[in-house]
């Protein structure tokens, strides 16, 4: 299932997609300088696709791989393209696994 890309994401949308609390997104925004959401007139955060991609990388490093925040910050600075490619591969593998599990259940 391919994700539909939008121009801006609201914080609640991103929290739902990552299955985390909105407060964690706000916390990560303060901790990671790669996150720079815009704010509308009401003060609501509007995250770009780049912000969302960075949040997926942060989530992967912290929640799935068990990095500390400082470790994740260092890893992000090292070689961002590798992280993005690795995250993309992991995402595709999860989709394939889900498909195979569903297929197995149908047999």
PDB file of N, CA and C in Angstrom:
ATOM      1  N   UNK A   1       0.848  -1.185   0.000  1.00  0.00           N
ATOM      2  CA  UNK A   1       0.000   0.000   0.000  1.00  0.00           C
ATOM      3  C   UNK A   1       0.888   1.241   0.000  1.00  0.00           C
ATOM      4  N   UNK A   2       0.810   2.010  -1.040  1.00  0.00           N
ATOM      5  CA  UNK A   2       1.638   3.207  -1.207  1.00  0.00           C
ATOM      6  C   UNK A   2       1.015   4.369  -0.426  1.00  0.00           C
ATOM      7  N   UNK A   3       1.859   5.137   0.255  1.00  0.00           N
ATOM      8  CA  UNK A   3       1.373   6.296   1.006  1.00  0.00           C
ATOM      9  C   UNK A   3       1.137   7.473   0.081  1.00  0.00           C
ATOM     10  N   UNK A   4       0.012   8.151   0.278  1.00  0.00           N
ATOM     11  CA  UNK A   4      -0.288   9.362  -0.485  1.00  0.00           C
ATOM     12  C   UNK A   4       0.504  10.511   0.128  1.00  0.00           C
ATOM     13  N   UNK A   5       1.270  11.206  -0.696  1.00  0.00           N
ATOM     14  CA  UNK A   5       2.083  12.314  -0.190  1.00  0.00           C
ATOM     15  C   UNK A   5       1.314  13.622  -0.311  1.00  0.00           C
ATOM     16  N   UNK A   6       1.355  14.385   0.758  1.00  0.00           N
ATOM     17  CA  UNK A   6       0.670  15.671   0.810  1.00  0.00           C
ATOM     18  C   UNK A   6       1.700  16.781   0.908  1.00  0.00           C
ATOM     19  N   UNK A   7       1.245  18.012   0.691  1.00  0.00           N
ATOM     20  CA  UNK A   7       2.128  19.161   0.834  1.00  0.00           C
ATOM     21  C   UNK A   7       2.458  19.403   2.307  1.00  0.00           C
ATOM     22  N   UNK A   8       1.437  19.345   3.166  1.00  0.00           N
ATOM     23  CA  UNK A   8       1.623  19.533   4.604  1.00  0.00           C
ATOM     24  C   UNK A   8       0.815  18.505   5.375  1.00  0.00           C
ATOM     25  N   UNK A   9       1.371  18.093   6.499  1.00  0.00           N
ATOM     26  CA  UNK A   9       0.695  17.171   7.410  1.00  0.00           C
ATOM     27  C   UNK A   9       0.493  17.880   8.743  1.00  0.00           C
ATOM     28  N   UNK A  10      -0.672  17.678   9.342  1.00  0.00           N
ATOM     29  CA  UNK A  10      -0.897  18.201  10.680  1.00  0.00           C
ATOM     30  C   UNK A  10      -0.273  17.233  11.676  1.00  0.00           C
ATOM     31  N   UNK A  11       0.013  17.728  12.845  1.00  0.00           N
ATOM     32  CA  UNK A  11       0.716  16.923  13.845  1.00  0.00           C
ATOM     33  C   UNK A  11      -0.081  15.666  14.214  1.00  0.00           C
ATOM     34  N   UNK A  12      -1.402  15.791  14.266  1.00  0.00           N
ATOM     35  CA  UNK A  12      -2.241  14.636  14.592  1.00  0.00           C
ATOM     36  C   UNK A  12      -2.161  13.544  13.542  1.00  0.00           C
ATOM     37  N   UNK A  13      -2.085  13.945  12.272  1.00  0.00           N
ATOM     38  CA  UNK A  13      -1.953  12.972  11.189  1.00  0.00           C
ATOM     39  C   UNK A  13      -0.654  12.184  11.331  1.00  0.00           C
ATOM     40  N   UNK A  14       0.414  12.892  11.600  1.00  0.00           N
ATOM     41  CA  UNK A  14       1.716  12.232  11.730  1.00  0.00           C
ATOM     42  C   UNK A  14       1.725  11.318  12.947  1.00  0.00           C
ATOM     43  N   UNK A  15       1.171  11.784  14.046  1.00  0.00           N
ATOM     44  CA  UNK A  15       1.109  10.965  15.256  1.00  0.00           C
ATOM     45  C   UNK A  15       0.335   9.674  14.978  1.00  0.00           C
ATOM     46  N   UNK A  16      -0.782   9.790  14.249  1.00  0.00           N
ATOM     47  CA  UNK A  16      -1.567   8.597  13.911  1.00  0.00           C
ATOM     48  C   UNK A  16      -0.783   7.647  13.015  1.00  0.00           C
ATOM     49  N   UNK A  17      -0.108   8.201  12.005  1.00  0.00           N
ATOM     50  CA  UNK A  17       0.658   7.361  11.074  1.00  0.00           C
ATOM     51  C   UNK A  17       1.787   6.628  11.790  1.00  0.00           C
ATOM     52  N   UNK A  18       2.413   7.278  12.753  1.00  0.00           N
ATOM     53  CA  UNK A  18       3.524   6.669  13.490  1.00  0.00           C
ATOM     54  C   UNK A  18       3.048   5.913  14.727  1.00  0.00           C
ATOM     55  N   UNK A  19       1.762   6.053  15.047  1.00  0.00           N
ATOM     56  CA  UNK A  19       1.168   5.412  16.218  1.00  0.00           C
ATOM     57  C   UNK A  19       1.870   5.836  17.514  1.00  0.00           C
ATOM     58  N   UNK A  20       2.038   7.171  17.643  1.00  0.00           N
ATOM     59  CA  UNK A  20       2.628   7.751  18.846  1.00  0.00           C
ATOM     60  C   UNK A  20       1.747   8.914  19.305  1.00  0.00           C
ATOM     61  N   UNK A  21       2.019   9.417  20.494  1.00  0.00           N
ATOM     62  CA  UNK A  21       1.283  10.574  20.997  1.00  0.00           C
ATOM     63  C   UNK A  21       1.773  11.859  20.339  1.00  0.00           C
ATOM     64  N   UNK A  22       0.873  12.822  20.212  1.00  0.00           N
ATOM     65  CA  UNK A  22       1.216  14.134  19.670  1.00  0.00           C
ATOM     66  C   UNK A  22       2.327  14.772  20.507  1.00  0.00           C
ATOM     67  N   UNK A  23       2.281  14.549  21.809  1.00  0.00           N
ATOM     68  CA  UNK A  23       3.294  15.148  22.689  1.00  0.00           C
ATOM     69  C   UNK A  23       4.697  14.634  22.353  1.00  0.00           C
ATOM     70  N   UNK A  24       4.801  13.378  21.906  1.00  0.00           N
ATOM     71  CA  UNK A  24       6.111  12.852  21.530  1.00  0.00           C
ATOM     72  C   UNK A  24       6.635  13.557  20.285  1.00  0.00           C
ATOM     73  N   UNK A  25       5.753  13.854  19.334  1.00  0.00           N
ATOM     74  CA  UNK A  25       6.162  14.587  18.125  1.00  0.00           C
ATOM     75  C   UNK A  25       6.662  15.976  18.520  1.00  0.00           C
ATOM     76  N   UNK A  26       5.928  16.650  19.425  1.00  0.00           N
ATOM     77  CA  UNK A  26       6.364  17.975  19.880  1.00  0.00           C
ATOM     78  C   UNK A  26       7.716  17.894  20.590  1.00  0.00           C
ATOM     79  N   UNK A  27       7.896  16.849  21.394  1.00  0.00           N
ATOM     80  CA  UNK A  27       9.167  16.656  22.097  1.00  0.00           C
ATOM     81  C   UNK A  27      10.299  16.459  21.096  1.00  0.00           C
ATOM     82  N   UNK A  28      10.087  15.579  20.103  1.00  0.00           N
ATOM     83  CA  UNK A  28      11.116  15.339  19.092  1.00  0.00           C
ATOM     84  C   UNK A  28      11.417  16.608  18.305  1.00  0.00           C
ATOM     85  N   UNK A  29      10.391  17.428  18.090  1.00  0.00           N
ATOM     86  CA  UNK A  29      10.598  18.690  17.364  1.00  0.00           C
ATOM     87  C   UNK A  29      11.614  19.568  18.104  1.00  0.00           C
ATOM     88  N   UNK A  30      11.531  19.584  19.434  1.00  0.00           N
ATOM     89  CA  UNK A  30      12.462  20.383  20.230  1.00  0.00           C
ATOM     90  C   UNK A  30      13.856  19.757  20.258  1.00  0.00           C
ATOM     91  N   UNK A  31      13.922  18.433  20.232  1.00  0.00           N
ATOM     92  CA  UNK A  31      15.188  17.713  20.353  1.00  0.00           C
ATOM     93  C   UNK A  31      15.986  17.620  19.056  1.00  0.00           C
ATOM     94  N   UNK A  32      15.295  17.507  17.927  1.00  0.00           N
ATOM     95  CA  UNK A  32      15.972  17.279  16.654  1.00  0.00           C
ATOM     96  C   UNK A  32      15.858  18.524  15.779  1.00  0.00           C
ATOM     97  N   UNK A  33      17.008  19.121  15.461  1.00  0.00           N
ATOM     98  CA  UNK A  33      16.989  20.358  14.688  1.00  0.00           C
ATOM     99  C   UNK A  33      16.644  20.147  13.214  1.00  0.00           C
ATOM    100  N   UNK A  34      16.549  18.899  12.762  1.00  0.00           N
ATOM    101  CA  UNK A  34      16.141  18.650  11.368  1.00  0.00           C
ATOM    102  C   UNK A  34      14.638  18.855  11.182  1.00  0.00           C
ATOM    103  N   UNK A  35      13.903  18.915  12.277  1.00  0.00           N
ATOM    104  CA  UNK A  35      12.450  19.116  12.207  1.00  0.00           C
ATOM    105  C   UNK A  35      12.145  20.599  12.301  1.00  0.00           C
ATOM    106  N   UNK A  36      11.533  21.119  11.249  1.00  0.00           N
ATOM    107  CA  UNK A  36      11.221  22.549  11.208  1.00  0.00           C
ATOM    108  C   UNK A  36       9.811  22.764  10.660  1.00  0.00           C
ATOM    109  N   UNK A  37       8.790  22.377  11.432  1.00  0.00           N
ATOM    110  CA  UNK A  37       7.438  22.562  10.913  1.00  0.00           C
ATOM    111  C   UNK A  37       7.074  24.044  10.807  1.00  0.00           C
ATOM    112  N   UNK A  38       6.263  24.346   9.823  1.00  0.00           N
ATOM    113  CA  UNK A  38       5.719  25.704   9.683  1.00  0.00           C
ATOM    114  C   UNK A  38       4.557  25.813  10.671  1.00  0.00           C
ATOM    115  N   UNK A  39       4.170  27.031  10.971  1.00  0.00           N
ATOM    116  CA  UNK A  39       2.987  27.229  11.815  1.00  0.00           C
ATOM    117  C   UNK A  39       2.025  28.150  11.083  1.00  0.00           C
ATOM    118  N   UNK A  40       0.737  27.782  11.134  1.00  0.00           N
ATOM    119  CA  UNK A  40      -0.258  28.641  10.491  1.00  0.00           C
ATOM    120  C   UNK A  40      -0.650  29.768  11.440  1.00  0.00           C
ATOM    121  N   UNK A  41      -1.614  30.582  11.034  1.00  0.00           N
ATOM    122  CA  UNK A  41      -2.012  31.741  11.848  1.00  0.00           C
ATOM    123  C   UNK A  41      -2.515  31.343  13.223  1.00  0.00           C
ATOM    124  N   UNK A  42      -3.116  30.153  13.316  1.00  0.00           N
ATOM    125  CA  UNK A  42      -3.612  29.669  14.606  1.00  0.00           C
ATOM    126  C   UNK A  42      -2.499  29.090  15.475  1.00  0.00           C
ATOM    127  N   UNK A  43      -1.326  28.908  14.891  1.00  0.00           N
ATOM    128  CA  UNK A  43      -0.215  28.331  15.636  1.00  0.00           C
ATOM    129  C   UNK A  43      -0.106  26.823  15.497  1.00  0.00           C
ATOM    130  N   UNK A  44      -0.941  26.227  14.632  1.00  0.00           N
ATOM    131  CA  UNK A  44      -0.881  24.781  14.413  1.00  0.00           C
ATOM    132  C   UNK A  44       0.347  24.438  13.585  1.00  0.00           C
ATOM    133  N   UNK A  45       0.992  23.354  13.963  1.00  0.00           N
ATOM    134  CA  UNK A  45       2.178  22.915  13.228  1.00  0.00           C
ATOM    135  C   UNK A  45       1.777  22.268  11.912  1.00  0.00           C
ATOM    136  N   UNK A  46       2.499  22.615  10.859  1.00  0.00           N
ATOM    137  CA  UNK A  46       2.297  22.011   9.549  1.00  0.00           C
ATOM    138  C   UNK A  46       3.631  21.423   9.108  1.00  0.00           C
ATOM    139  N   UNK A  47       3.694  20.110   9.044  1.00  0.00           N
ATOM    140  CA  UNK A  47       4.924  19.412   8.711  1.00  0.00           C
ATOM    141  C   UNK A  47       4.987  19.140   7.217  1.00  0.00           C
ATOM    142  N   UNK A  48       6.153  19.373   6.622  1.00  0.00           N
ATOM    143  CA  UNK A  48       6.357  19.085   5.202  1.00  0.00           C
ATOM    144  C   UNK A  48       6.647  17.595   5.039  1.00  0.00           C
ATOM    145  N   UNK A  49       6.715  17.145   3.792  1.00  0.00           N
ATOM    146  CA  UNK A  49       7.067  15.753   3.526  1.00  0.00           C
ATOM    147  C   UNK A  49       8.462  15.451   4.067  1.00  0.00           C
ATOM    148  N   UNK A  50       9.364  16.412   3.943  1.00  0.00           N
ATOM    149  CA  UNK A  50      10.727  16.227   4.466  1.00  0.00           C
ATOM    150  C   UNK A  50      10.700  16.037   5.986  1.00  0.00           C
ATOM    151  N   UNK A  51       9.883  16.853   6.685  1.00  0.00           N
ATOM    152  CA  UNK A  51       9.740  16.693   8.140  1.00  0.00           C
ATOM    153  C   UNK A  51       9.202  15.304   8.463  1.00  0.00           C
ATOM    154  N   UNK A  52       8.187  14.881   7.703  1.00  0.00           N
ATOM    155  CA  UNK A  52       7.572  13.568   7.931  1.00  0.00           C
ATOM    156  C   UNK A  52       8.593  12.457   7.700  1.00  0.00           C
ATOM    157  N   UNK A  53       9.377  12.563   6.627  1.00  0.00           N
ATOM    158  CA  UNK A  53      10.417  11.567   6.355  1.00  0.00           C
ATOM    159  C   UNK A  53      11.437  11.523   7.499  1.00  0.00           C
ATOM    160  N   UNK A  54      11.825  12.697   7.995  1.00  0.00           N
ATOM    161  CA  UNK A  54      12.755  12.758   9.132  1.00  0.00           C
ATOM    162  C   UNK A  54      12.144  12.138  10.378  1.00  0.00           C
ATOM    163  N   UNK A  55      10.866  12.377  10.602  1.00  0.00           N
ATOM    164  CA  UNK A  55      10.191  11.782  11.764  1.00  0.00           C
ATOM    165  C   UNK A  55      10.144  10.263  11.639  1.00  0.00           C
ATOM    166  N   UNK A  56       9.953   9.751  10.440  1.00  0.00           N
ATOM    167  CA  UNK A  56       9.956   8.295  10.245  1.00  0.00           C
ATOM    168  C   UNK A  56      11.343   7.724  10.558  1.00  0.00           C
ATOM    169  N   UNK A  57      12.382   8.444  10.163  1.00  0.00           N
ATOM    170  CA  UNK A  57      13.744   7.992  10.463  1.00  0.00           C
ATOM    171  C   UNK A  57      13.990   8.032  11.970  1.00  0.00           C
ATOM    172  N   UNK A  58      13.580   9.125  12.616  1.00  0.00           N
ATOM    173  CA  UNK A  58      13.737   9.245  14.073  1.00  0.00           C
ATOM    174  C   UNK A  58      12.981   8.123  14.773  1.00  0.00           C
ATOM    175  N   UNK A  59      11.754   7.882  14.348  1.00  0.00           N
ATOM    176  CA  UNK A  59      10.951   6.802  14.940  1.00  0.00           C
ATOM    177  C   UNK A  59      11.678   5.467  14.783  1.00  0.00           C
ATOM    178  N   UNK A  60      12.165   5.204  13.583  1.00  0.00           N
ATOM    179  CA  UNK A  60      12.854   3.945  13.316  1.00  0.00           C
ATOM    180  C   UNK A  60      14.074   3.782  14.226  1.00  0.00           C
ATOM    181  N   UNK A  61      14.870   4.843  14.335  1.00  0.00           N
ATOM    182  CA  UNK A  61      16.080   4.764  15.156  1.00  0.00           C
ATOM    183  C   UNK A  61      15.759   4.605  16.640  1.00  0.00           C
ATOM    184  N   UNK A  62      14.820   5.415  17.134  1.00  0.00           N
ATOM    185  CA  UNK A  62      14.543   5.439  18.579  1.00  0.00           C
ATOM    186  C   UNK A  62      13.636   4.281  19.006  1.00  0.00           C
ATOM    187  N   UNK A  63      12.541   4.095  18.305  1.00  0.00           N
ATOM    188  CA  UNK A  63      11.546   3.115  18.740  1.00  0.00           C
ATOM    189  C   UNK A  63      11.833   1.692  18.257  1.00  0.00           C
ATOM    190  N   UNK A  64      12.323   1.552  17.032  1.00  0.00           N
ATOM    191  CA  UNK A  64      12.519   0.215  16.488  1.00  0.00           C
ATOM    192  C   UNK A  64      13.926  -0.320  16.714  1.00  0.00           C
ATOM    193  N   UNK A  65      14.914   0.554  16.684  1.00  0.00           N
ATOM    194  CA  UNK A  65      16.296   0.097  16.844  1.00  0.00           C
ATOM    195  C   UNK A  65      16.852   0.379  18.233  1.00  0.00           C
ATOM    196  N   UNK A  66      16.110   1.125  19.063  1.00  0.00           N
ATOM    197  CA  UNK A  66      16.497   1.326  20.452  1.00  0.00           C
ATOM    198  C   UNK A  66      17.601   2.340  20.695  1.00  0.00           C
ATOM    199  N   UNK A  67      17.792   3.269  19.761  1.00  0.00           N
ATOM    200  CA  UNK A  67      18.811   4.303  19.947  1.00  0.00           C
ATOM    201  C   UNK A  67      18.381   5.276  21.036  1.00  0.00           C
ATOM    202  N   UNK A  68      19.361   5.849  21.739  1.00  0.00           N
ATOM    203  CA  UNK A  68      19.073   6.967  22.629  1.00  0.00           C
ATOM    204  C   UNK A  68      18.854   8.187  21.743  1.00  0.00           C
ATOM    205  N   UNK A  69      18.334   9.262  22.305  1.00  0.00           N
ATOM    206  CA  UNK A  69      18.139  10.477  21.510  1.00  0.00           C
ATOM    207  C   UNK A  69      19.466  10.995  20.975  1.00  0.00           C
ATOM    208  N   UNK A  70      20.494  11.004  21.821  1.00  0.00           N
ATOM    209  CA  UNK A  70      21.813  11.468  21.361  1.00  0.00           C
ATOM    210  C   UNK A  70      22.374  10.552  20.281  1.00  0.00           C
ATOM    211  N   UNK A  71      22.180   9.262  20.440  1.00  0.00           N
ATOM    212  CA  UNK A  71      22.637   8.313  19.431  1.00  0.00           C
ATOM    213  C   UNK A  71      21.912   8.522  18.109  1.00  0.00           C
ATOM    214  N   UNK A  72      20.604   8.768  18.185  1.00  0.00           N
ATOM    215  CA  UNK A  72      19.816   9.016  16.972  1.00  0.00           C
ATOM    216  C   UNK A  72      20.256  10.310  16.298  1.00  0.00           C
ATOM    217  N   UNK A  73      20.556  11.335  17.095  1.00  0.00           N
ATOM    218  CA  UNK A  73      21.025  12.606  16.527  1.00  0.00           C
ATOM    219  C   UNK A  73      22.337  12.404  15.785  1.00  0.00           C
ATOM    220  N   UNK A  74      23.251  11.650  16.399  1.00  0.00           N
ATOM    221  CA  UNK A  74      24.541  11.371  15.747  1.00  0.00           C
ATOM    222  C   UNK A  74      24.334  10.579  14.456  1.00  0.00           C
ATOM    223  N   UNK A  75      23.483   9.577  14.518  1.00  0.00           N
ATOM    224  CA  UNK A  75      23.235   8.725  13.353  1.00  0.00           C
ATOM    225  C   UNK A  75      22.624   9.536  12.214  1.00  0.00           C
ATOM    226  N   UNK A  76      21.712  10.445  12.543  1.00  0.00           N
ATOM    227  CA  UNK A  76      21.093  11.292  11.523  1.00  0.00           C
ATOM    228  C   UNK A  76      22.136  12.160  10.826  1.00  0.00           C
ATOM    229  N   UNK A  77      23.105  12.659  11.573  1.00  0.00           N
ATOM    230  CA  UNK A  77      24.120  13.544  11.001  1.00  0.00           C
ATOM    231  C   UNK A  77      25.143  12.778  10.166  1.00  0.00           C
ATOM    232  N   UNK A  78      25.375  11.498  10.488  1.00  0.00           N
ATOM    233  CA  UNK A  78      26.412  10.714   9.815  1.00  0.00           C
ATOM    234  C   UNK A  78      26.189  10.605   8.315  1.00  0.00           C
ATOM    235  N   UNK A  79      25.114   9.918   7.941  1.00  0.00           N
ATOM    236  CA  UNK A  79      24.867   9.718   6.516  1.00  0.00           C
ATOM    237  C   UNK A  79      23.376   9.550   6.293  1.00  0.00           C
ATOM    238  N   UNK A  80      22.717  10.650   6.116  1.00  0.00           N
ATOM    239  CA  UNK A  80      21.265  10.674   6.042  1.00  0.00           C
ATOM    240  C   UNK A  80      20.713   9.842   4.888  1.00  0.00           C
ATOM    241  N   UNK A  81      21.388   9.820   3.735  1.00  0.00           N
ATOM    242  CA  UNK A  81      20.876   9.069   2.600  1.00  0.00           C
ATOM    243  C   UNK A  81      20.794   7.581   2.922  1.00  0.00           C
ATOM    244  N   UNK A  82      21.804   7.063   3.622  1.00  0.00           N
ATOM    245  CA  UNK A  82      21.779   5.653   3.997  1.00  0.00           C
ATOM    246  C   UNK A  82      20.604   5.351   4.910  1.00  0.00           C
ATOM    247  N   UNK A  83      20.315   6.275   5.838  1.00  0.00           N
ATOM    248  CA  UNK A  83      19.195   6.058   6.760  1.00  0.00           C
ATOM    249  C   UNK A  83      17.879   6.033   5.996  1.00  0.00           C
ATOM    250  N   UNK A  84      17.732   6.951   5.041  1.00  0.00           N
ATOM    251  CA  UNK A  84      16.508   7.025   4.260  1.00  0.00           C
ATOM    252  C   UNK A  84      16.346   5.758   3.428  1.00  0.00           C
ATOM    253  N   UNK A  85      17.430   5.315   2.791  1.00  0.00           N
ATOM    254  CA  UNK A  85      17.364   4.098   1.988  1.00  0.00           C
ATOM    255  C   UNK A  85      17.053   2.893   2.856  1.00  0.00           C
ATOM    256  N   UNK A  86      17.704   2.786   4.001  1.00  0.00           N
ATOM    257  CA  UNK A  86      17.459   1.666   4.904  1.00  0.00           C
ATOM    258  C   UNK A  86      16.020   1.670   5.390  1.00  0.00           C
ATOM    259  N   UNK A  87      15.522   2.839   5.738  1.00  0.00           N
ATOM    260  CA  UNK A  87      14.147   2.945   6.215  1.00  0.00           C
ATOM    261  C   UNK A  87      13.172   2.540   5.120  1.00  0.00           C
ATOM    262  N   UNK A  88      13.455   2.933   3.901  1.00  0.00           N
ATOM    263  CA  UNK A  88      12.612   2.566   2.770  1.00  0.00           C
ATOM    264  C   UNK A  88      12.602   1.053   2.581  1.00  0.00           C
ATOM    265  N   UNK A  89      13.755   0.430   2.692  1.00  0.00           N
ATOM    266  CA  UNK A  89      13.850  -1.026   2.550  1.00  0.00           C
ATOM    267  C   UNK A  89      13.068  -1.711   3.661  1.00  0.00           C
ATOM    268  N   UNK A  90      13.237  -1.259   4.900  1.00  0.00           N
ATOM    269  CA  UNK A  90      12.509  -1.838   6.033  1.00  0.00           C
ATOM    270  C   UNK A  90      11.007  -1.694   5.819  1.00  0.00           C
ATOM    271  N   UNK A  91      10.590  -0.527   5.351  1.00  0.00           N
ATOM    272  CA  UNK A  91       9.170  -0.289   5.102  1.00  0.00           C
ATOM    273  C   UNK A  91       8.629  -1.250   4.047  1.00  0.00           C
ATOM    274  N   UNK A  92       9.370  -1.425   2.964  1.00  0.00           N
ATOM    275  CA  UNK A  92       8.937  -2.351   1.908  1.00  0.00           C
ATOM    276  C   UNK A  92       8.900  -3.785   2.412  1.00  0.00           C
ATOM    277  N   UNK A  93       9.870  -4.172   3.208  1.00  0.00           N
ATOM    278  CA  UNK A  93       9.889  -5.523   3.755  1.00  0.00           C
ATOM    279  C   UNK A  93       8.692  -5.765   4.680  1.00  0.00           C
ATOM    280  N   UNK A  94       8.320  -4.751   5.462  1.00  0.00           N
ATOM    281  CA  UNK A  94       7.149  -4.878   6.331  1.00  0.00           C
ATOM    282  C   UNK A  94       5.879  -5.055   5.504  1.00  0.00           C
ATOM    283  N   UNK A  95       5.778  -4.307   4.394  1.00  0.00           N
ATOM    284  CA  UNK A  95       4.619  -4.441   3.507  1.00  0.00           C
ATOM    285  C   UNK A  95       4.559  -5.841   2.908  1.00  0.00           C
ATOM    286  N   UNK A  96       5.703  -6.362   2.488  1.00  0.00           N
ATOM    287  CA  UNK A  96       5.753  -7.712   1.912  1.00  0.00           C
ATOM    288  C   UNK A  96       5.365  -8.742   2.958  1.00  0.00           C
ATOM    289  N   UNK A  97       5.882  -8.586   4.167  1.00  0.00           N
ATOM    290  CA  UNK A  97       5.551  -9.521   5.247  1.00  0.00           C
ATOM    291  C   UNK A  97       4.053  -9.510   5.530  1.00  0.00           C
ATOM    292  N   UNK A  98       3.479  -8.319   5.607  1.00  0.00           N
ATOM    293  CA  UNK A  98       2.043  -8.197   5.860  1.00  0.00           C
ATOM    294  C   UNK A  98       1.251  -8.911   4.763  1.00  0.00           C
ATOM    295  N   UNK A  99       1.652  -8.709   3.522  1.00  0.00           N
ATOM    296  CA  UNK A  99       0.990  -9.357   2.397  1.00  0.00           C
ATOM    297  C   UNK A  99       1.089 -10.873   2.515  1.00  0.00           C
ATOM    298  N   UNK A 100       2.278 -11.370   2.833  1.00  0.00           N
ATOM    299  CA  UNK A 100       2.478 -12.814   2.935  1.00  0.00           C
ATOM    300  C   UNK A 100       1.678 -13.420   4.094  1.00  0.00           C
ATOM    301  N   UNK A 101       1.620 -12.713   5.213  1.00  0.00           N
ATOM    302  CA  UNK A 101       0.830 -13.190   6.355  1.00  0.00           C
ATOM    303  C   UNK A 101      -0.647 -13.258   5.970  1.00  0.00           C
ATOM    304  N   UNK A 102      -1.147 -12.225   5.294  1.00  0.00           N
ATOM    305  CA  UNK A 102      -2.542 -12.222   4.857  1.00  0.00           C
ATOM    306  C   UNK A 102      -2.796 -13.354   3.859  1.00  0.00           C
ATOM    307  N   UNK A 103      -1.857 -13.576   2.965  1.00  0.00           N
ATOM    308  CA  UNK A 103      -1.986 -14.644   1.981  1.00  0.00           C
ATOM    309  C   UNK A 103      -2.012 -16.012   2.670  1.00  0.00           C
ATOM    310  N   UNK A 104      -1.150 -16.184   3.651  1.00  0.00           N
ATOM    311  CA  UNK A 104      -1.101 -17.441   4.407  1.00  0.00           C
ATOM    312  C   UNK A 104      -2.428 -17.709   5.110  1.00  0.00           C
ATOM    313  N   UNK A 105      -3.015 -16.649   5.685  1.00  0.00           N
ATOM    314  CA  UNK A 105      -4.291 -16.795   6.398  1.00  0.00           C
ATOM    315  C   UNK A 105      -5.429 -17.184   5.451  1.00  0.00           C
ATOM    316  N   UNK A 106      -5.319 -16.783   4.194  1.00  0.00           N
ATOM    317  CA  UNK A 106      -6.357 -17.102   3.216  1.00  0.00           C
ATOM    318  C   UNK A 106      -6.255 -18.541   2.711  1.00  0.00           C
ATOM    319  N   UNK A 107      -5.087 -19.153   2.893  1.00  0.00           N
ATOM    320  CA  UNK A 107      -4.890 -20.534   2.399  1.00  0.00           C
ATOM    321  C   UNK A 107      -5.472 -21.568   3.338  1.00  0.00           C
TER     322      UNK A 107
END
